[in-house]
Amino acid sequence: LLVALVPLAAFGLLVQRRVRSWWAL
């Protein structure tokens, strides 16, 4: 569950930067 926070945080960082590319998200 703690490890899951890493890709979750990366997803959050990208969307906060307004990244919409499906291949990244």
PDB file of all heavy atoms in Angstrom:
ATOM      1  N   LEU A   1       0.832  -1.205   0.000  1.00  0.00           N
ATOM      2  CA  LEU A   1       0.000   0.000   0.000  1.00  0.00           C
ATOM      3  C   LEU A   1       0.865   1.252   0.000  1.00  0.00           C
ATOM      4  O   LEU A   1       0.550   2.243  -0.676  1.00  0.00           O
ATOM      5  CB  LEU A   1      -0.924  -0.018   1.219  1.00  0.00           C
ATOM      6  CG  LEU A   1      -2.139   0.906   1.197  1.00  0.00           C
ATOM      7  CD1 LEU A   1      -3.018   0.616  -0.011  1.00  0.00           C
ATOM      8  CD2 LEU A   1      -2.938   0.763   2.482  1.00  0.00           C
ATOM      9  N   LEU A   2       1.968   1.217   0.745  1.00  0.00           N
ATOM     10  CA  LEU A   2       2.894   2.356   0.751  1.00  0.00           C
ATOM     11  C   LEU A   2       3.568   2.516  -0.610  1.00  0.00           C
ATOM     12  O   LEU A   2       3.745   3.636  -1.106  1.00  0.00           O
ATOM     13  CB  LEU A   2       3.951   2.172   1.843  1.00  0.00           C
ATOM     14  CG  LEU A   2       3.460   2.343   3.291  1.00  0.00           C
ATOM     15  CD1 LEU A   2       4.569   1.975   4.271  1.00  0.00           C
ATOM     16  CD2 LEU A   2       3.003   3.776   3.516  1.00  0.00           C
ATOM     17  N   VAL A   3       3.947   1.389  -1.226  1.00  0.00           N
ATOM     18  CA  VAL A   3       4.576   1.452  -2.557  1.00  0.00           C
ATOM     19  C   VAL A   3       3.601   2.032  -3.574  1.00  0.00           C
ATOM     20  O   VAL A   3       3.995   2.743  -4.501  1.00  0.00           O
ATOM     21  CB  VAL A   3       5.057   0.051  -2.994  1.00  0.00           C
ATOM     22  CG1 VAL A   3       5.582   0.077  -4.429  1.00  0.00           C
ATOM     23  CG2 VAL A   3       6.141  -0.451  -2.057  1.00  0.00           C
ATOM     24  N   ALA A   4       2.293   1.756  -3.399  1.00  0.00           N
ATOM     25  CA  ALA A   4       1.285   2.278  -4.332  1.00  0.00           C
ATOM     26  C   ALA A   4       1.237   3.797  -4.317  1.00  0.00           C
ATOM     27  O   ALA A   4       0.780   4.420  -5.287  1.00  0.00           O
ATOM     28  CB  ALA A   4      -0.092   1.703  -3.975  1.00  0.00           C
ATOM     29  N   LEU A   5       1.710   4.405  -3.226  1.00  0.00           N
ATOM     30  CA  LEU A   5       1.713   5.866  -3.149  1.00  0.00           C
ATOM     31  C   LEU A   5       2.679   6.489  -4.149  1.00  0.00           C
ATOM     32  O   LEU A   5       2.506   7.648  -4.531  1.00  0.00           O
ATOM     33  CB  LEU A   5       2.093   6.312  -1.729  1.00  0.00           C
ATOM     34  CG  LEU A   5       1.099   5.934  -0.621  1.00  0.00           C
ATOM     35  CD1 LEU A   5       1.638   6.382   0.728  1.00  0.00           C
ATOM     36  CD2 LEU A   5      -0.259   6.564  -0.892  1.00  0.00           C
ATOM     37  N   VAL A   6       3.690   5.720  -4.591  1.00  0.00           N
ATOM     38  CA  VAL A   6       4.683   6.267  -5.536  1.00  0.00           C
ATOM     39  C   VAL A   6       4.051   6.545  -6.899  1.00  0.00           C
ATOM     40  O   VAL A   6       4.082   7.680  -7.385  1.00  0.00           O
ATOM     41  CB  VAL A   6       5.895   5.322  -5.662  1.00  0.00           C
ATOM     42  CG1 VAL A   6       6.884   5.853  -6.707  1.00  0.00           C
ATOM     43  CG2 VAL A   6       6.594   5.164  -4.310  1.00  0.00           C
ATOM     44  N   PRO A   7       3.447   5.540  -7.575  1.00  0.00           N
ATOM     45  CA  PRO A   7       2.792   5.857  -8.857  1.00  0.00           C
ATOM     46  C   PRO A   7       1.595   6.787  -8.681  1.00  0.00           C
ATOM     47  O   PRO A   7       1.299   7.576  -9.572  1.00  0.00           O
ATOM     48  CB  PRO A   7       2.363   4.484  -9.396  1.00  0.00           C
ATOM     49  CG  PRO A   7       2.292   3.597  -8.201  1.00  0.00           C
ATOM     50  CD  PRO A   7       3.368   4.083  -7.279  1.00  0.00           C
ATOM     51  N   LEU A   8       0.926   6.716  -7.520  1.00  0.00           N
ATOM     52  CA  LEU A   8      -0.196   7.627  -7.254  1.00  0.00           C
ATOM     53  C   LEU A   8       0.306   9.067  -7.201  1.00  0.00           C
ATOM     54  O   LEU A   8      -0.316   9.973  -7.780  1.00  0.00           O
ATOM     55  CB  LEU A   8      -0.873   7.254  -5.943  1.00  0.00           C
ATOM     56  CG  LEU A   8      -2.014   8.166  -5.478  1.00  0.00           C
ATOM     57  CD1 LEU A   8      -3.174   8.115  -6.466  1.00  0.00           C
ATOM     58  CD2 LEU A   8      -2.495   7.761  -4.081  1.00  0.00           C
ATOM     59  N   ALA A   9       1.440   9.280  -6.514  1.00  0.00           N
ATOM     60  CA  ALA A   9       2.011  10.626  -6.428  1.00  0.00           C
ATOM     61  C   ALA A   9       2.478  11.105  -7.804  1.00  0.00           C
ATOM     62  O   ALA A   9       2.306  12.287  -8.149  1.00  0.00           O
ATOM     63  CB  ALA A   9       3.173  10.646  -5.445  1.00  0.00           C
ATOM     64  N   ALA A  10       3.062  10.192  -8.599  1.00  0.00           N
ATOM     65  CA  ALA A  10       3.508  10.571  -9.944  1.00  0.00           C
ATOM     66  C   ALA A  10       2.319  10.953 -10.820  1.00  0.00           C
ATOM     67  O   ALA A  10       2.375  11.927 -11.580  1.00  0.00           O
ATOM     68  CB  ALA A  10       4.282   9.407 -10.570  1.00  0.00           C
ATOM     69  N   PHE A  11       1.230  10.192 -10.703  1.00  0.00           N
ATOM     70  CA  PHE A  11      -0.001  10.521 -11.438  1.00  0.00           C
ATOM     71  C   PHE A  11      -0.501  11.899 -11.021  1.00  0.00           C
ATOM     72  O   PHE A  11      -0.855  12.736 -11.857  1.00  0.00           O
ATOM     73  CB  PHE A  11      -1.053   9.448 -11.157  1.00  0.00           C
ATOM     74  CG  PHE A  11      -2.360   9.646 -11.884  1.00  0.00           C
ATOM     75  CD1 PHE A  11      -2.579   9.042 -13.113  1.00  0.00           C
ATOM     76  CD2 PHE A  11      -3.370  10.431 -11.339  1.00  0.00           C
ATOM     77  CE1 PHE A  11      -3.792   9.208 -13.787  1.00  0.00           C
ATOM     78  CE2 PHE A  11      -4.574  10.614 -12.000  1.00  0.00           C
ATOM     79  CZ  PHE A  11      -4.782   9.999 -13.228  1.00  0.00           C
ATOM     80  N   GLY A  12      -0.524  12.133  -9.701  1.00  0.00           N
ATOM     81  CA  GLY A  12      -0.982  13.418  -9.203  1.00  0.00           C
ATOM     82  C   GLY A  12      -0.118  14.569  -9.664  1.00  0.00           C
ATOM     83  O   GLY A  12      -0.618  15.650  -9.998  1.00  0.00           O
ATOM     84  N   LEU A  13       1.206  14.350  -9.698  1.00  0.00           N
ATOM     85  CA  LEU A  13       2.125  15.402 -10.143  1.00  0.00           C
ATOM     86  C   LEU A  13       1.869  15.764 -11.601  1.00  0.00           C
ATOM     87  O   LEU A  13       1.847  16.953 -11.965  1.00  0.00           O
ATOM     88  CB  LEU A  13       3.573  14.937  -9.955  1.00  0.00           C
ATOM     89  CG  LEU A  13       4.667  15.923 -10.389  1.00  0.00           C
ATOM     90  CD1 LEU A  13       4.608  17.186  -9.550  1.00  0.00           C
ATOM     91  CD2 LEU A  13       6.049  15.269 -10.283  1.00  0.00           C
ATOM     92  N   LEU A  14       1.640  14.746 -12.439  1.00  0.00           N
ATOM     93  CA  LEU A  14       1.413  15.007 -13.861  1.00  0.00           C
ATOM     94  C   LEU A  14       0.097  15.753 -14.089  1.00  0.00           C
ATOM     95  O   LEU A  14       0.044  16.706 -14.867  1.00  0.00           O
ATOM     96  CB  LEU A  14       1.408  13.687 -14.643  1.00  0.00           C
ATOM     97  CG  LEU A  14       2.763  12.984 -14.788  1.00  0.00           C
ATOM     98  CD1 LEU A  14       2.600  11.683 -15.565  1.00  0.00           C
ATOM     99  CD2 LEU A  14       3.776  13.883 -15.492  1.00  0.00           C
ATOM    100  N   VAL A  15      -0.967  15.320 -13.408  1.00  0.00           N
ATOM    101  CA  VAL A  15      -2.252  15.991 -13.640  1.00  0.00           C
ATOM    102  C   VAL A  15      -2.246  17.407 -13.056  1.00  0.00           C
ATOM    103  O   VAL A  15      -2.909  18.303 -13.594  1.00  0.00           O
ATOM    104  CB  VAL A  15      -3.437  15.175 -13.069  1.00  0.00           C
ATOM    105  CG1 VAL A  15      -3.617  13.878 -13.840  1.00  0.00           C
ATOM    106  CG2 VAL A  15      -3.272  14.908 -11.582  1.00  0.00           C
ATOM    107  N   GLN A  16      -1.495  17.613 -11.965  1.00  0.00           N
ATOM    108  CA  GLN A  16      -1.382  18.962 -11.429  1.00  0.00           C
ATOM    109  C   GLN A  16      -0.638  19.879 -12.390  1.00  0.00           C
ATOM    110  O   GLN A  16      -0.854  21.093 -12.411  1.00  0.00           O
ATOM    111  CB  GLN A  16      -0.668  18.943 -10.075  1.00  0.00           C
ATOM    112  CG  GLN A  16      -1.480  18.328  -8.939  1.00  0.00           C
ATOM    113  CD  GLN A  16      -2.740  19.118  -8.608  1.00  0.00           C
ATOM    114  OE1 GLN A  16      -2.758  20.344  -8.714  1.00  0.00           O
ATOM    115  NE2 GLN A  16      -3.805  18.416  -8.217  1.00  0.00           N
ATOM    116  N   ARG A  17       0.225  19.286 -13.202  1.00  0.00           N
ATOM    117  CA  ARG A  17       0.929  20.052 -14.241  1.00  0.00           C
ATOM    118  C   ARG A  17       0.146  20.090 -15.550  1.00  0.00           C
ATOM    119  O   ARG A  17       0.673  20.480 -16.590  1.00  0.00           O
ATOM    120  CB  ARG A  17       2.319  19.455 -14.482  1.00  0.00           C
ATOM    121  CG  ARG A  17       3.270  19.631 -13.290  1.00  0.00           C
ATOM    122  CD  ARG A  17       4.603  18.965 -13.559  1.00  0.00           C
ATOM    123  NE  ARG A  17       5.536  19.182 -12.479  1.00  0.00           N
ATOM    124  CZ  ARG A  17       6.363  20.216 -12.379  1.00  0.00           C
ATOM    125  NH1 ARG A  17       6.357  21.136 -13.329  1.00  0.00           N
ATOM    126  NH2 ARG A  17       7.178  20.337 -11.358  1.00  0.00           N
ATOM    127  N   ARG A  18      -1.100  19.624 -15.486  1.00  0.00           N
ATOM    128  CA  ARG A  18      -2.025  19.661 -16.630  1.00  0.00           C
ATOM    129  C   ARG A  18      -1.600  18.752 -17.779  1.00  0.00           C
ATOM    130  O   ARG A  18      -1.867  19.019 -18.946  1.00  0.00           O
ATOM    131  CB  ARG A  18      -2.193  21.083 -17.140  1.00  0.00           C
ATOM    132  CG  ARG A  18      -3.284  21.916 -16.478  1.00  0.00           C
ATOM    133  CD  ARG A  18      -3.133  22.009 -15.005  1.00  0.00           C
ATOM    134  NE  ARG A  18      -4.266  22.697 -14.383  1.00  0.00           N
ATOM    135  CZ  ARG A  18      -4.361  22.912 -13.085  1.00  0.00           C
ATOM    136  NH1 ARG A  18      -3.421  22.495 -12.258  1.00  0.00           N
ATOM    137  NH2 ARG A  18      -5.406  23.529 -12.577  1.00  0.00           N
ATOM    138  N   VAL A  19      -0.946  17.642 -17.453  1.00  0.00           N
ATOM    139  CA  VAL A  19      -0.584  16.650 -18.469  1.00  0.00           C
ATOM    140  C   VAL A  19      -1.806  15.778 -18.734  1.00  0.00           C
ATOM    141  O   VAL A  19      -2.392  15.208 -17.802  1.00  0.00           O
ATOM    142  CB  VAL A  19       0.596  15.774 -18.001  1.00  0.00           C
ATOM    143  CG1 VAL A  19       0.860  14.655 -19.005  1.00  0.00           C
ATOM    144  CG2 VAL A  19       1.845  16.631 -17.820  1.00  0.00           C
ATOM    145  N   ARG A  20      -2.224  15.656 -20.001  1.00  0.00           N
ATOM    146  CA  ARG A  20      -3.403  14.865 -20.355  1.00  0.00           C
ATOM    147  C   ARG A  20      -3.076  13.652 -21.208  1.00  0.00           C
ATOM    148  O   ARG A  20      -3.967  12.929 -21.624  1.00  0.00           O
ATOM    149  CB  ARG A  20      -4.404  15.743 -21.120  1.00  0.00           C
ATOM    150  CG  ARG A  20      -4.899  16.950 -20.347  1.00  0.00           C
ATOM    151  CD  ARG A  20      -5.989  17.667 -21.127  1.00  0.00           C
ATOM    152  NE  ARG A  20      -6.507  18.836 -20.423  1.00  0.00           N
ATOM    153  CZ  ARG A  20      -7.541  19.550 -20.829  1.00  0.00           C
ATOM    154  NH1 ARG A  20      -8.166  19.206 -21.948  1.00  0.00           N
ATOM    155  NH2 ARG A  20      -7.959  20.590 -20.137  1.00  0.00           N
ATOM    156  N   SER A  21      -1.820  13.414 -21.478  1.00  0.00           N
ATOM    157  CA  SER A  21      -1.410  12.334 -22.386  1.00  0.00           C
ATOM    158  C   SER A  21      -1.736  10.976 -21.774  1.00  0.00           C
ATOM    159  O   SER A  21      -1.249  10.632 -20.687  1.00  0.00           O
ATOM    160  CB  SER A  21       0.090  12.425 -22.671  1.00  0.00           C
ATOM    161  OG  SER A  21       0.423  13.694 -23.191  1.00  0.00           O
ATOM    162  N   TRP A  22      -2.545  10.187 -22.476  1.00  0.00           N
ATOM    163  CA  TRP A  22      -2.962   8.896 -21.950  1.00  0.00           C
ATOM    164  C   TRP A  22      -1.789   7.952 -21.772  1.00  0.00           C
ATOM    165  O   TRP A  22      -1.770   7.138 -20.836  1.00  0.00           O
ATOM    166  CB  TRP A  22      -4.013   8.260 -22.876  1.00  0.00           C
ATOM    167  CG  TRP A  22      -3.473   7.869 -24.220  1.00  0.00           C
ATOM    168  CD1 TRP A  22      -3.479   8.613 -25.350  1.00  0.00           C
ATOM    169  CD2 TRP A  22      -2.845   6.625 -24.557  1.00  0.00           C
ATOM    170  NE1 TRP A  22      -2.895   7.927 -26.388  1.00  0.00           N
ATOM    171  CE2 TRP A  22      -2.485   6.701 -25.922  1.00  0.00           C
ATOM    172  CE3 TRP A  22      -2.532   5.463 -23.835  1.00  0.00           C
ATOM    173  CZ2 TRP A  22      -1.838   5.654 -26.587  1.00  0.00           C
ATOM    174  CZ3 TRP A  22      -1.886   4.424 -24.494  1.00  0.00           C
ATOM    175  CH2 TRP A  22      -1.553   4.528 -25.857  1.00  0.00           C
ATOM    176  N   TRP A  23      -0.783   8.023 -22.664  1.00  0.00           N
ATOM    177  CA  TRP A  23       0.350   7.108 -22.590  1.00  0.00           C
ATOM    178  C   TRP A  23       1.191   7.351 -21.335  1.00  0.00           C
ATOM    179  O   TRP A  23       1.961   6.473 -20.910  1.00  0.00           O
ATOM    180  CB  TRP A  23       1.238   7.239 -23.830  1.00  0.00           C
ATOM    181  CG  TRP A  23       1.660   8.643 -24.159  1.00  0.00           C
ATOM    182  CD1 TRP A  23       1.064   9.511 -25.008  1.00  0.00           C
ATOM    183  CD2 TRP A  23       2.779   9.347 -23.611  1.00  0.00           C
ATOM    184  NE1 TRP A  23       1.725  10.714 -25.037  1.00  0.00           N
ATOM    185  CE2 TRP A  23       2.790  10.637 -24.195  1.00  0.00           C
ATOM    186  CE3 TRP A  23       3.779   9.007 -22.696  1.00  0.00           C
ATOM    187  CZ2 TRP A  23       3.761  11.587 -23.871  1.00  0.00           C
ATOM    188  CZ3 TRP A  23       4.748   9.955 -22.380  1.00  0.00           C
ATOM    189  CH2 TRP A  23       4.736  11.229 -22.967  1.00  0.00           C
ATOM    190  N   ALA A  24       1.055   8.514 -20.700  1.00  0.00           N
ATOM    191  CA  ALA A  24       1.772   8.789 -19.458  1.00  0.00           C
ATOM    192  C   ALA A  24       0.893   8.479 -18.238  1.00  0.00           C
ATOM    193  O   ALA A  24       1.383   7.957 -17.231  1.00  0.00           O
ATOM    194  CB  ALA A  24       2.214  10.253 -19.416  1.00  0.00           C
ATOM    195  N   LEU A  25      -0.398   8.778 -18.320  1.00  0.00           N
ATOM    196  CA  LEU A  25      -1.273   8.646 -17.160  1.00  0.00           C
ATOM    197  C   LEU A  25      -1.822   7.235 -16.969  1.00  0.00           C
ATOM    198  O   LEU A  25      -1.890   6.744 -15.836  1.00  0.00           O
ATOM    199  CB  LEU A  25      -2.440   9.635 -17.281  1.00  0.00           C
ATOM    200  CG  LEU A  25      -2.068  11.121 -17.302  1.00  0.00           C
ATOM    201  CD1 LEU A  25      -3.318  11.975 -17.492  1.00  0.00           C
ATOM    202  CD2 LEU A  25      -1.350  11.516 -16.022  1.00  0.00           C
TER     203      LEU A  25
END
